[in-house]
Amino acid sequence: MSTKKITVFIFLLVTGVFLLTACGGKDQKPVSISFYRRGYIAGSNDPISSTVDAAVAAFEKRFPYITVSVVGVPYSTEGNAQMEAALERGTDINVLSLYPAMIPDLARRGVISDIEPYMTEADKQDFYDNGMQIATVDGKVYAWPIWVTSVAIYSNPEIFKERGITPPTIDDPWTWDEFVAASKQLTFTRADGTQVYGFSAPSRPNEIVYLPIFYMDGGRVLSPDARIFVQNSPEAVSALQKFADLHLVENVTPPDFGTVGQAEVRAQFKAGTLAMVMDTPNLIPELQGENVAFDVFPPPVGETGQIITSGGIGIYGVVKVSDPEVLAAAHEFARYITGADVAKDVPGWQLAPSLRRSNTTYATDEPRILISRLVTYGIFEAPVDISSELNDQYEYALQSILLGEKTAQEAMDEIAPIYQNELDILYKDQ
C-alpha cells in the first residue's frame, strides 16, 4: 500500500472513531431516563415547556442511545409531594429540579448522587466556585447548578437626570454613604404634589429580595458549614440596621417599606414614583416589554469594600441508582442542560445568568451583560433544610427591624436561639 493510501486510511479510521465517540458509539447500550421538571406541562407552548422539549430533542440528537422522558411537576405543595413520592419509589426518576434546601436531606439519605465523579476537568474549571457552595454537603457536591438570579439595583434614568445624579457602574460602584446621599437627593415632591422616593425593595415576609444587604458588611446568616446561626454578629447586624434606617432615619423609602411585595414595588417604579429598586433580573424583560426606560447597576459597597450580590439558584440533581449506565446517562443529561451547549442549541433556554464561565448566552444586551458580570460577586449560604415555621419566624424578625419594632441586634438576638435549636436538632446525629 502506498504512503498516500496509508495516510488516507489512517485519517478515515481516526475520523470514524471520533464520530462514533461523539455519538456515543454504535455499540452503546440504549438507556432511558426520566426528567422531573417543575413548571413543565406536556404539549404546552409556554416558555418552560417548549424550551424543555427542544432541549430534550437536541440532547437525544447528540446522544442517540439515551431517551429522555419528561414528567411535569407543579410549583406547589402538591408538586413537592409528587416529587417526594417518586423519590421514595426510586424507579422512574433520574434527573430532577431541586430547591437548594432539599439537597442536605436527599444527600445524607443517599437519594441523590455526588456529581464530582461525573464532572470533567473542564466542568470543574468552568463552574464558578460560589455556585458550588449551594450544592455542597459534607464536602461533596450533589447538584448541577444552572443559573442564579443575581440581585441588582434598577434605576429610572429620567429621575436621575432630573435630580443631577450620575449612576454608578460595576467598575466604579457606590459606597453605602454615596448610595444614601443619592437616595436622599432622589426623594422629593414634584410641583404637582407627586411624591417621589429614592429607593425601595420587595421586603415583606416570603418576598424578601434584599439578600445582598445581609453580606455587605461582612456578615453571614450561617457559618460556612451551616451549623451555627451567626446573623446576630456585629457585621451582620450593622448591615441590617443600615438598611432599616433608610426608612426609619433617612426617610427615602415609601411608607409601605417592610410590608411591600415585588409586584407593588415594580408598579411604583413603573409609575415614576420610585427612583431605584433592588430586584431580580426577571424585571428586565418586564420593563423592556412595557418600554419602560431603566438602568441597572450593582448594589452599594459596604464595609467589605467589595461588590456583593446574592439571589436564588437553579439546580438539578441526579437520583442515585444501581445501574451504572443509567446513572452515567442521567449525569450526562444534567451536564448538558446546565452547560453552554444547550444554551446554544435552544434559544431562550438561559433565562438568568449561568453559573458556568463558558455559558454567556444570557448576556445579550447591556443590562444582561451587567447582571452576568455580577455572578462572580455572589455570596450564597450553604444549603440547610429549616422548617417552614422557622423560616416564617425568621422573616418576620427581619420585618420587625424594617418597621422599627426592634433594633437589628434585638431581633437577631431573639431569633438566634430558636434558629440554633433547630440547627442542633438537624445535625445531632451527624
Protein backbone atom coordinates (compact mmCIF):
# COMPACT_ATOMS: atom_id res chain seq x y z
CA MET A 1 0.00 0.00 0.00
CA SER A 2 1.36 3.42 -0.96
CA THR A 3 2.21 6.05 1.66
CA LYS A 4 -0.61 8.24 0.35
CA LYS A 5 -3.17 5.41 0.71
CA ILE A 6 -1.96 4.60 4.23
CA THR A 7 -2.32 8.25 5.24
CA VAL A 8 -5.87 8.42 3.87
CA PHE A 9 -6.77 5.13 5.57
CA ILE A 10 -5.48 6.36 8.96
CA PHE A 11 -7.35 9.66 8.54
CA LEU A 12 -10.61 7.88 7.79
CA LEU A 13 -10.11 5.45 10.68
CA VAL A 14 -9.44 8.26 13.19
CA THR A 15 -12.37 10.28 11.87
CA GLY A 16 -14.68 7.28 12.15
CA VAL A 17 -13.61 6.61 15.75
CA PHE A 18 -14.17 10.29 16.58
CA LEU A 19 -17.64 10.29 15.09
CA LEU A 20 -18.63 7.11 16.88
CA THR A 21 -17.35 8.55 20.15
CA ALA A 22 -19.19 11.82 19.63
CA CYS A 23 -22.42 9.97 19.01
CA GLY A 24 -21.98 7.70 22.00
CA GLY A 25 -20.64 4.77 19.96
CA LYS A 26 -22.55 2.40 17.71
CA ASP A 27 -22.41 -0.36 20.35
CA GLN A 28 -23.64 1.85 23.18
CA LYS A 29 -26.46 0.18 25.09
CA PRO A 30 -29.78 2.09 24.80
CA VAL A 31 -30.68 3.86 28.04
CA SER A 32 -33.93 5.52 29.14
CA ILE A 33 -34.10 8.16 31.87
CA SER A 34 -36.87 10.29 33.38
CA PHE A 35 -36.56 14.04 33.96
CA TYR A 36 -38.83 15.61 36.59
CA ARG A 37 -39.11 19.30 35.72
CA ARG A 38 -41.01 21.87 37.76
CA GLY A 39 -43.36 24.00 35.67
CA TYR A 40 -43.37 21.63 32.67
CA ILE A 41 -46.72 20.84 31.01
CA ALA A 42 -46.69 18.21 28.26
CA GLY A 43 -47.91 19.55 24.93
CA SER A 44 -47.90 23.16 26.08
CA ASN A 45 -46.31 26.02 24.14
CA ASP A 46 -45.45 28.03 27.26
CA PRO A 47 -41.77 29.12 27.50
CA ILE A 48 -40.73 26.48 30.06
CA SER A 49 -42.41 23.52 28.36
CA SER A 50 -41.41 24.42 24.82
CA THR A 51 -37.76 25.00 25.69
CA VAL A 52 -37.60 21.77 27.72
CA ASP A 53 -39.00 19.83 24.74
CA ALA A 54 -36.44 21.47 22.45
CA ALA A 55 -33.60 20.71 24.88
CA VAL A 56 -34.56 17.05 25.14
CA ALA A 57 -34.73 16.75 21.35
CA ALA A 58 -31.32 18.39 20.96
CA PHE A 59 -29.80 16.17 23.65
CA GLU A 60 -31.20 12.99 22.10
CA LYS A 61 -29.73 14.05 18.76
CA ARG A 62 -26.32 14.42 20.40
CA PHE A 63 -26.72 11.19 22.38
CA PRO A 64 -28.99 8.92 20.30
CA TYR A 65 -28.63 6.00 22.69
CA ILE A 66 -30.28 7.99 25.53
CA THR A 67 -34.06 8.52 25.60
CA VAL A 68 -35.41 11.17 27.97
CA SER A 69 -39.00 11.20 29.26
CA VAL A 70 -40.16 14.45 30.90
CA VAL A 71 -42.56 14.49 33.85
CA GLY A 72 -44.09 17.84 34.73
CA VAL A 73 -44.22 18.86 38.39
CA PRO A 74 -46.19 21.95 39.51
CA TYR A 75 -44.68 24.66 41.69
CA SER A 76 -46.80 23.79 44.72
CA THR A 77 -47.02 21.63 47.81
CA GLU A 78 -48.73 19.03 45.61
CA GLY A 79 -45.73 19.15 43.29
CA ASN A 80 -43.38 18.66 46.21
CA ALA A 81 -45.41 15.63 47.30
CA GLN A 82 -45.33 14.22 43.76
CA MET A 83 -41.55 14.62 43.66
CA GLU A 84 -41.07 13.03 47.07
CA ALA A 85 -43.28 10.07 46.15
CA ALA A 86 -41.23 9.46 43.02
CA LEU A 87 -38.02 9.64 45.06
CA GLU A 88 -39.41 7.16 47.56
CA ARG A 89 -40.20 4.71 44.73
CA GLY A 90 -36.82 5.36 43.16
CA THR A 91 -37.77 3.59 39.95
CA ASP A 92 -38.92 6.23 37.45
CA ILE A 93 -36.99 9.36 38.33
CA ASN A 94 -33.39 10.13 37.36
CA VAL A 95 -32.91 13.89 36.97
CA LEU A 96 -34.94 16.46 38.88
CA SER A 97 -35.09 20.18 39.52
CA LEU A 98 -34.33 20.87 43.18
CA TYR A 99 -34.72 23.60 45.73
CA PRO A 100 -31.34 24.15 47.47
CA ALA A 101 -32.89 23.37 50.87
CA MET A 102 -33.72 19.86 49.63
CA ILE A 103 -30.09 18.94 48.99
CA PRO A 104 -28.79 18.13 52.51
CA ASP A 105 -31.57 15.70 53.37
CA LEU A 106 -31.50 13.95 49.99
CA ALA A 107 -27.71 13.74 50.04
CA ARG A 108 -27.49 12.31 53.55
CA ARG A 109 -30.26 9.80 52.81
CA GLY A 110 -28.29 8.61 49.80
CA VAL A 111 -31.09 9.57 47.41
CA ILE A 112 -29.10 11.86 45.12
CA SER A 113 -25.71 11.23 43.59
CA ASP A 114 -22.43 13.03 44.18
CA ILE A 115 -21.72 14.74 40.85
CA GLU A 116 -17.96 15.08 41.16
CA PRO A 117 -17.08 11.62 39.72
CA TYR A 118 -19.02 12.64 36.61
CA MET A 119 -17.52 16.12 36.26
CA THR A 120 -14.79 16.55 33.69
CA GLU A 121 -11.78 18.73 34.42
CA ALA A 122 -13.36 21.23 32.05
CA ASP A 123 -16.54 21.21 34.18
CA LYS A 124 -14.55 21.85 37.35
CA GLN A 125 -12.80 24.82 35.79
CA ASP A 126 -16.00 26.08 34.19
CA PHE A 127 -18.24 26.42 37.24
CA TYR A 128 -17.85 29.48 39.42
CA ASP A 129 -16.71 28.45 42.89
CA ASN A 130 -19.62 30.25 44.56
CA GLY A 131 -22.07 28.19 42.51
CA MET A 132 -20.68 25.02 44.02
CA GLN A 133 -21.24 26.29 47.58
CA ILE A 134 -25.01 25.98 47.38
CA ALA A 135 -24.77 22.34 46.24
CA THR A 136 -22.12 21.16 48.70
CA VAL A 137 -22.91 18.91 51.66
CA ASP A 138 -20.20 17.49 53.90
CA GLY A 139 -17.55 18.40 51.34
CA LYS A 140 -19.22 16.76 48.34
CA VAL A 141 -21.19 18.39 45.50
CA TYR A 142 -24.66 16.94 44.97
CA ALA A 143 -26.25 19.05 42.23
CA TRP A 144 -25.55 20.66 38.86
CA PRO A 145 -26.15 24.45 39.10
CA ILE A 146 -27.66 26.16 36.06
CA TRP A 147 -28.50 29.80 36.88
CA VAL A 148 -28.60 32.47 39.57
CA THR A 149 -30.95 35.42 39.95
CA SER A 150 -28.24 37.97 40.76
CA VAL A 151 -29.92 40.84 42.60
CA ALA A 152 -29.04 44.36 41.39
CA ILE A 153 -30.41 47.89 41.54
CA TYR A 154 -32.62 49.23 38.76
CA SER A 155 -32.97 52.97 38.31
CA ASN A 156 -35.17 55.46 36.49
CA PRO A 157 -32.78 57.43 34.21
CA GLU A 158 -35.19 60.35 33.81
CA ILE A 159 -35.41 60.93 37.56
CA PHE A 160 -31.63 60.59 37.85
CA LYS A 161 -31.16 63.22 35.14
CA GLU A 162 -33.79 65.49 36.69
CA ARG A 163 -32.03 65.37 40.08
CA GLY A 164 -28.49 65.61 38.69
CA ILE A 165 -27.39 62.13 39.80
CA THR A 166 -24.84 60.09 37.83
CA PRO A 167 -25.43 56.35 38.27
CA PRO A 168 -22.57 54.16 39.46
CA THR A 169 -21.05 51.37 37.39
CA ILE A 170 -19.69 47.92 38.12
CA ASP A 171 -16.20 49.35 37.74
CA ASP A 172 -16.95 52.34 39.98
CA PRO A 173 -19.75 51.30 42.37
CA TRP A 174 -21.28 53.45 45.06
CA THR A 175 -20.24 53.12 48.67
CA TRP A 176 -23.08 52.82 51.16
CA ASP A 177 -22.73 56.50 52.10
CA GLU A 178 -22.86 57.53 48.43
CA PHE A 179 -25.94 55.38 47.97
CA VAL A 180 -27.67 57.02 50.94
CA ALA A 181 -26.77 60.52 49.71
CA ALA A 182 -28.14 59.74 46.24
CA SER A 183 -31.33 58.27 47.74
CA LYS A 184 -31.88 61.50 49.68
CA GLN A 185 -31.37 63.59 46.55
CA LEU A 186 -33.79 61.37 44.65
CA THR A 187 -36.51 61.76 47.29
CA PHE A 188 -38.59 64.84 46.55
CA THR A 189 -42.06 66.25 45.90
CA ARG A 190 -42.95 67.44 42.41
CA ALA A 191 -44.73 70.70 41.74
CA ASP A 192 -47.96 68.80 41.17
CA GLY A 193 -47.70 67.22 44.62
CA THR A 194 -46.45 63.80 43.45
CA GLN A 195 -44.08 62.28 45.99
CA VAL A 196 -41.04 60.51 44.57
CA TYR A 197 -38.96 58.24 46.78
CA GLY A 198 -35.33 57.36 46.31
CA PHE A 199 -35.38 53.63 46.95
CA SER A 200 -37.39 50.53 47.81
CA ALA A 201 -37.20 46.73 47.59
CA PRO A 202 -39.59 43.79 47.97
CA SER A 203 -39.37 43.29 51.71
CA ARG A 204 -42.38 41.58 53.20
CA PRO A 205 -42.08 38.02 54.52
CA ASN A 206 -41.82 35.40 51.74
CA GLU A 207 -40.88 38.10 49.22
CA ILE A 208 -37.54 39.25 50.61
CA VAL A 209 -35.21 40.29 47.79
CA TYR A 210 -32.63 42.44 49.60
CA LEU A 211 -30.27 39.49 50.20
CA PRO A 212 -27.07 41.35 49.17
CA ILE A 213 -27.55 43.62 52.20
CA PHE A 214 -27.04 40.63 54.52
CA TYR A 215 -23.41 40.34 53.43
CA MET A 216 -22.24 43.87 52.60
CA ASP A 217 -20.54 44.50 55.96
CA GLY A 218 -19.04 41.02 56.21
CA GLY A 219 -21.88 39.21 57.96
CA ARG A 220 -23.49 35.90 57.14
CA VAL A 221 -26.69 34.11 58.13
CA LEU A 222 -24.96 30.81 58.90
CA SER A 223 -21.43 29.57 59.44
CA PRO A 224 -19.79 28.03 56.33
CA ASP A 225 -20.82 24.53 57.44
CA ALA A 226 -24.42 25.73 58.07
CA ARG A 227 -24.32 24.51 61.67
CA ILE A 228 -24.29 27.83 63.54
CA PHE A 229 -26.59 30.86 63.22
CA VAL A 230 -24.33 33.94 63.07
CA GLN A 231 -26.57 36.76 61.83
CA ASN A 232 -26.54 38.35 65.28
CA SER A 233 -22.83 39.14 64.82
CA PRO A 234 -21.79 42.83 64.71
CA GLU A 235 -21.09 42.67 60.95
CA ALA A 236 -24.49 41.21 60.11
CA VAL A 237 -26.44 43.45 62.48
CA SER A 238 -24.67 46.55 61.15
CA ALA A 239 -25.88 45.90 57.60
CA LEU A 240 -29.47 45.12 58.63
CA GLN A 241 -29.71 48.28 60.72
CA LYS A 242 -28.34 50.45 57.90
CA PHE A 243 -30.96 49.04 55.58
CA ALA A 244 -33.77 49.67 58.07
CA ASP A 245 -32.54 53.21 58.65
CA LEU A 246 -33.24 54.07 55.01
CA HIS A 247 -36.86 54.02 56.16
CA LEU A 248 -36.60 54.88 59.84
CA VAL A 249 -33.98 57.65 59.74
CA GLU A 250 -33.31 58.80 56.18
CA ASN A 251 -36.98 58.74 55.02
CA VAL A 252 -36.02 57.78 51.47
CA THR A 253 -38.45 54.87 51.10
CA PRO A 254 -42.22 54.74 50.61
CA PRO A 255 -44.35 54.24 53.74
CA ASP A 256 -45.00 50.59 52.82
CA PHE A 257 -41.31 49.67 53.12
CA GLY A 258 -41.08 46.40 55.04
CA THR A 259 -44.59 45.31 54.06
CA VAL A 260 -44.40 45.65 50.28
CA GLY A 261 -44.18 42.81 47.77
CA GLN A 262 -42.43 42.54 44.44
CA ALA A 263 -45.46 43.36 42.26
CA GLU A 264 -46.24 46.52 44.23
CA VAL A 265 -42.64 47.76 44.17
CA ARG A 266 -42.45 47.24 40.43
CA ALA A 267 -45.71 49.13 39.93
CA GLN A 268 -44.29 52.07 41.88
CA PHE A 269 -41.14 52.03 39.78
CA LYS A 270 -43.06 51.93 36.50
CA ALA A 271 -45.33 54.74 37.68
CA GLY A 272 -42.32 57.01 38.17
CA THR A 273 -42.74 57.43 41.94
CA LEU A 274 -39.66 55.36 42.77
CA ALA A 275 -36.16 56.22 41.55
CA MET A 276 -34.43 52.94 42.46
CA VAL A 277 -35.50 49.40 43.25
CA MET A 278 -33.45 46.39 44.33
CA ASP A 279 -34.77 43.40 42.40
CA THR A 280 -34.10 40.20 40.50
CA PRO A 281 -33.21 40.04 36.77
CA ASN A 282 -36.65 38.89 35.64
CA LEU A 283 -37.54 42.58 35.98
CA ILE A 284 -35.53 43.22 32.79
CA PRO A 285 -37.88 41.55 30.27
CA GLU A 286 -40.86 43.01 32.11
CA LEU A 287 -39.56 46.57 31.77
CA GLN A 288 -38.39 46.04 28.20
CA GLY A 289 -41.73 44.52 27.24
CA GLU A 290 -43.53 47.61 28.54
CA ASN A 291 -40.97 50.05 27.07
CA VAL A 292 -40.01 51.39 30.50
CA ALA A 293 -36.60 53.09 30.47
CA PHE A 294 -34.16 51.86 33.10
CA ASP A 295 -30.52 51.50 34.03
CA VAL A 296 -29.03 48.71 36.13
CA PHE A 297 -26.03 48.76 38.46
CA PRO A 298 -24.55 46.81 41.39
CA PRO A 299 -25.73 47.03 45.00
CA PRO A 300 -23.77 49.54 47.10
CA VAL A 301 -20.50 48.51 48.69
CA GLY A 302 -20.40 48.14 52.47
CA GLU A 303 -17.61 47.57 54.97
CA THR A 304 -16.20 44.65 52.99
CA GLY A 305 -15.11 47.10 50.30
CA GLN A 306 -16.39 44.70 47.65
CA ILE A 307 -19.42 44.44 45.38
CA ILE A 308 -21.73 41.71 46.68
CA THR A 309 -24.84 40.18 45.22
CA SER A 310 -26.92 37.14 46.02
CA GLY A 311 -30.15 35.51 44.87
CA GLY A 312 -31.90 32.28 44.10
CA ILE A 313 -30.13 29.43 42.31
CA GLY A 314 -31.49 26.89 39.83
CA ILE A 315 -30.06 23.38 40.27
CA TYR A 316 -30.59 19.85 39.03
CA GLY A 317 -29.94 16.67 40.98
CA VAL A 318 -29.37 13.12 39.78
CA VAL A 319 -31.00 10.24 41.63
CA LYS A 320 -28.59 7.59 42.82
CA VAL A 321 -29.40 4.26 41.11
CA SER A 322 -27.59 0.93 40.98
CA ASP A 323 -27.36 0.72 37.18
CA PRO A 324 -24.08 2.49 36.28
CA GLU A 325 -25.13 3.12 32.69
CA VAL A 326 -28.39 4.78 33.71
CA LEU A 327 -26.56 6.84 36.33
CA ALA A 328 -23.94 7.96 33.81
CA ALA A 329 -26.64 8.84 31.25
CA ALA A 330 -28.53 10.89 33.84
CA HIS A 331 -25.38 12.84 34.72
CA GLU A 332 -24.68 13.36 31.02
CA PHE A 333 -28.13 14.87 30.62
CA ALA A 334 -27.72 17.03 33.73
CA ARG A 335 -24.37 18.27 32.43
CA TYR A 336 -25.96 19.13 29.10
CA ILE A 337 -28.94 21.08 30.46
CA THR A 338 -26.69 23.14 32.74
CA GLY A 339 -23.99 23.83 30.15
CA ALA A 340 -23.21 26.05 27.22
CA ASP A 341 -24.27 23.55 24.53
CA VAL A 342 -27.96 23.56 25.44
CA ALA A 343 -27.97 27.34 25.58
CA LYS A 344 -26.64 27.39 22.02
CA ASP A 345 -28.99 24.64 20.82
CA VAL A 346 -32.14 26.12 22.37
CA PRO A 347 -32.76 29.87 22.05
CA GLY A 348 -34.28 31.29 25.22
CA TRP A 349 -33.06 28.43 27.42
CA GLN A 350 -30.94 30.64 29.69
CA LEU A 351 -33.46 32.92 31.45
CA ALA A 352 -30.95 34.05 34.08
CA PRO A 353 -27.14 34.21 34.20
CA SER A 354 -25.31 30.90 34.10
CA LEU A 355 -23.03 29.69 36.87
CA ARG A 356 -20.62 28.46 34.18
CA ARG A 357 -17.98 30.78 32.76
CA SER A 358 -18.38 29.32 29.27
CA ASN A 359 -22.11 29.99 29.05
CA THR A 360 -22.52 33.65 28.12
CA THR A 361 -25.72 33.28 26.12
CA TYR A 362 -27.78 35.24 28.67
CA ALA A 363 -25.65 38.35 28.13
CA THR A 364 -27.47 39.61 25.03
CA ASP A 365 -27.67 43.33 25.87
CA GLU A 366 -26.18 45.85 28.31
CA PRO A 367 -28.49 45.13 31.27
CA ARG A 368 -27.97 41.37 30.96
CA ILE A 369 -24.21 41.79 30.49
CA LEU A 370 -24.09 43.68 33.79
CA ILE A 371 -26.16 41.02 35.56
CA SER A 372 -23.90 38.30 34.14
CA ARG A 373 -20.79 40.13 35.39
CA LEU A 374 -22.29 40.25 38.86
CA VAL A 375 -22.36 36.44 39.12
CA THR A 376 -18.74 36.27 40.23
CA TYR A 377 -19.56 38.58 43.18
CA GLY A 378 -22.31 36.31 44.51
CA ILE A 379 -22.42 35.04 48.09
CA PHE A 380 -24.65 32.04 48.78
CA GLU A 381 -25.32 30.22 52.02
CA ALA A 382 -24.63 26.51 52.38
CA PRO A 383 -27.92 24.60 51.94
CA VAL A 384 -29.94 23.77 55.05
CA ASP A 385 -33.46 22.41 55.34
CA ILE A 386 -35.11 24.52 58.02
CA SER A 387 -38.81 24.18 58.76
CA SER A 388 -41.38 26.50 57.22
CA GLU A 389 -42.31 27.58 60.77
CA LEU A 390 -38.75 28.69 61.49
CA ASN A 391 -38.48 30.39 58.13
CA ASP A 392 -41.62 32.40 58.89
CA GLN A 393 -40.32 33.38 62.33
CA TYR A 394 -37.01 34.43 60.81
CA GLU A 395 -38.56 36.55 58.07
CA TYR A 396 -40.95 38.24 60.49
CA ALA A 397 -37.91 39.04 62.65
CA LEU A 398 -36.36 40.76 59.64
CA GLN A 399 -39.59 42.65 59.04
CA SER A 400 -39.66 43.85 62.65
CA ILE A 401 -36.32 45.56 62.02
CA LEU A 402 -37.54 47.39 58.91
CA LEU A 403 -40.69 48.55 60.71
CA GLY A 404 -38.72 49.83 63.67
CA GLU A 405 -40.39 47.46 66.12
CA LYS A 406 -36.98 46.15 67.18
CA THR A 407 -33.38 47.05 66.53
CA ALA A 408 -31.42 44.70 64.33
CA GLN A 409 -29.49 43.48 67.35
CA GLU A 410 -32.64 42.81 69.36
CA ALA A 411 -34.37 40.96 66.53
CA MET A 412 -31.39 38.79 65.64
CA ASP A 413 -30.54 38.03 69.28
CA GLU A 414 -34.15 36.95 69.78
CA ILE A 415 -34.30 34.64 66.78
CA ALA A 416 -30.76 33.25 67.26
CA PRO A 417 -31.51 30.61 69.94
CA ILE A 418 -34.66 29.49 68.12
CA TYR A 419 -32.76 29.10 64.85
CA GLN A 420 -29.81 27.44 66.58
CA ASN A 421 -32.04 24.95 68.35
CA GLU A 422 -33.41 23.71 65.03
CA LEU A 423 -29.92 23.50 63.54
CA ASP A 424 -28.76 21.47 66.53
CA ILE A 425 -31.65 19.05 66.03
CA LEU A 426 -30.87 18.73 62.31
CA TYR A 427 -27.23 17.91 62.98
CA LYS A 428 -27.49 15.95 66.23
CA ASP A 429 -26.74 12.58 64.61
CA GLN A 430 -24.05 13.86 62.23
